[in-house]
């Protein structure tokens, strides 16, 4: 995936996009488990458990969510990729979020829908 072809590219300069792209690749070379948010409605599973679950014909009621690790730029931008599978049929979407650091925390500057099925 190239950050230069995203619909939100007009929100960051080419230099910022290049820096975010390098950071994204470096931070997402391998998979990392997320800490459980402590919400009983959320089930955290490694890929192997998801595959076993799906092979048994059971699809999670709330779908499956995949998140990238955030990529950061020196000027206070971040990039996060999200993929959602909502069912066993071709159903889901992919999103890219550009965030900007503000005094009160991170805010979403833009969300770009990459694909939907």
Protein backbone atom coordinates (compact mmCIF):
# COMPACT_ATOMS: atom_id res chain seq x y z
CA UNK A 1 0.00 0.00 0.00
CA UNK A 2 1.42 3.38 -0.92
CA UNK A 3 0.47 6.39 1.16
CA UNK A 4 0.79 8.57 -1.95
CA UNK A 5 -2.35 7.02 -3.46
CA UNK A 6 -4.66 7.60 -0.52
CA UNK A 7 -7.64 9.96 -0.79
CA UNK A 8 -6.44 11.95 2.23
CA UNK A 9 -3.04 12.86 0.79
CA UNK A 10 -3.98 16.50 0.33
CA UNK A 11 -4.04 16.83 4.12
CA UNK A 12 -0.32 16.26 4.56
CA UNK A 13 2.68 17.36 2.51
CA UNK A 14 4.64 14.85 0.44
CA UNK A 15 7.46 15.02 3.00
CA UNK A 16 5.03 14.26 5.84
CA UNK A 17 3.49 11.44 3.78
CA UNK A 18 6.92 9.95 3.11
CA UNK A 19 7.86 10.12 6.80
CA UNK A 20 4.54 8.55 7.85
CA UNK A 21 4.95 5.86 5.20
CA UNK A 22 8.45 4.92 6.44
CA UNK A 23 7.23 4.89 10.04
CA UNK A 24 4.19 2.77 9.10
CA UNK A 25 6.32 0.13 7.38
CA UNK A 26 8.87 0.05 10.22
CA UNK A 27 6.26 -0.19 13.01
CA UNK A 28 4.09 -2.80 11.27
CA UNK A 29 6.69 -5.31 10.02
CA UNK A 30 5.41 -7.83 12.53
CA UNK A 31 2.09 -8.31 14.29
CA UNK A 32 1.62 -7.14 17.86
CA UNK A 33 -1.10 -8.05 20.32
CA UNK A 34 -3.17 -5.23 21.75
CA UNK A 35 -3.85 -4.93 25.44
CA UNK A 36 -7.40 -5.94 26.32
CA UNK A 37 -9.53 -2.82 26.85
CA UNK A 38 -11.32 -4.39 29.83
CA UNK A 39 -14.68 -4.42 28.09
CA UNK A 40 -16.58 -7.71 28.34
CA UNK A 41 -18.02 -7.15 24.85
CA UNK A 42 -14.53 -7.40 23.35
CA UNK A 43 -12.76 -10.71 22.73
CA UNK A 44 -9.05 -10.54 21.98
CA UNK A 45 -7.74 -13.45 19.88
CA UNK A 46 -4.48 -14.20 18.11
CA UNK A 47 -4.71 -15.01 14.39
CA UNK A 48 -4.37 -18.74 15.09
CA UNK A 49 -7.45 -18.67 17.36
CA UNK A 50 -9.44 -16.68 14.81
CA UNK A 51 -8.58 -19.20 12.08
CA UNK A 52 -9.62 -22.11 14.31
CA UNK A 53 -12.85 -20.30 15.23
CA UNK A 54 -13.72 -19.64 11.58
CA UNK A 55 -12.75 -23.17 10.46
CA UNK A 56 -15.39 -24.43 12.89
CA UNK A 57 -18.03 -22.36 11.10
CA UNK A 58 -18.44 -19.81 13.89
CA UNK A 59 -18.26 -16.14 12.99
CA UNK A 60 -17.86 -13.63 15.83
CA UNK A 61 -21.11 -11.75 16.41
CA UNK A 62 -19.43 -8.33 16.24
CA UNK A 63 -17.09 -9.15 13.39
CA UNK A 64 -13.31 -9.06 13.36
CA UNK A 65 -11.27 -5.87 13.65
CA UNK A 66 -7.62 -5.44 12.73
CA UNK A 67 -5.65 -2.30 13.67
CA UNK A 68 -2.18 -1.25 12.65
CA UNK A 69 0.30 0.19 15.08
CA UNK A 70 0.29 3.97 14.68
CA UNK A 71 2.94 5.56 12.49
CA UNK A 72 4.28 8.90 13.70
CA UNK A 73 5.86 11.94 12.09
CA UNK A 74 8.10 14.42 13.87
CA UNK A 75 5.61 17.24 13.26
CA UNK A 76 2.79 15.66 15.27
CA UNK A 77 0.88 13.56 12.74
CA UNK A 78 -0.03 9.89 13.08
CA UNK A 79 -1.38 7.31 10.66
CA UNK A 80 -3.55 4.30 11.65
CA UNK A 81 -4.96 1.57 9.40
CA UNK A 82 -8.16 -0.30 10.33
CA UNK A 83 -9.73 -3.33 8.67
CA UNK A 84 -13.16 -4.69 9.62
CA UNK A 85 -14.66 -8.03 8.54
CA UNK A 86 -18.36 -8.14 9.35
CA UNK A 87 -19.25 -11.65 8.27
CA UNK A 88 -18.29 -14.82 6.46
CA UNK A 89 -19.55 -13.48 3.14
CA UNK A 90 -17.63 -10.75 1.33
CA UNK A 91 -18.33 -8.03 3.84
CA UNK A 92 -16.04 -5.45 5.34
CA UNK A 93 -14.13 -2.23 4.94
CA UNK A 94 -10.66 -0.76 5.21
CA UNK A 95 -9.95 2.71 6.58
CA UNK A 96 -6.97 4.96 7.01
CA UNK A 97 -6.95 7.64 9.70
CA UNK A 98 -4.66 10.64 9.89
CA UNK A 99 -4.45 12.10 13.37
CA UNK A 100 -2.89 15.30 14.62
CA UNK A 101 -1.48 15.90 18.05
CA UNK A 102 -3.24 18.73 19.88
CA UNK A 103 -2.72 20.12 23.38
CA UNK A 104 -5.69 18.05 24.58
CA UNK A 105 -4.48 14.81 22.90
CA UNK A 106 -4.77 13.23 19.48
CA UNK A 107 -7.59 14.29 17.15
CA UNK A 108 -8.70 12.72 13.87
CA UNK A 109 -7.75 15.06 11.07
CA UNK A 110 -9.13 12.83 8.31
CA UNK A 111 -10.56 9.37 7.71
CA UNK A 112 -10.26 7.81 4.28
CA UNK A 113 -12.30 4.80 3.18
CA UNK A 114 -9.91 2.62 1.17
CA UNK A 115 -12.30 -0.19 0.25
CA UNK A 116 -15.71 -1.60 1.08
CA UNK A 117 -17.37 -4.86 0.14
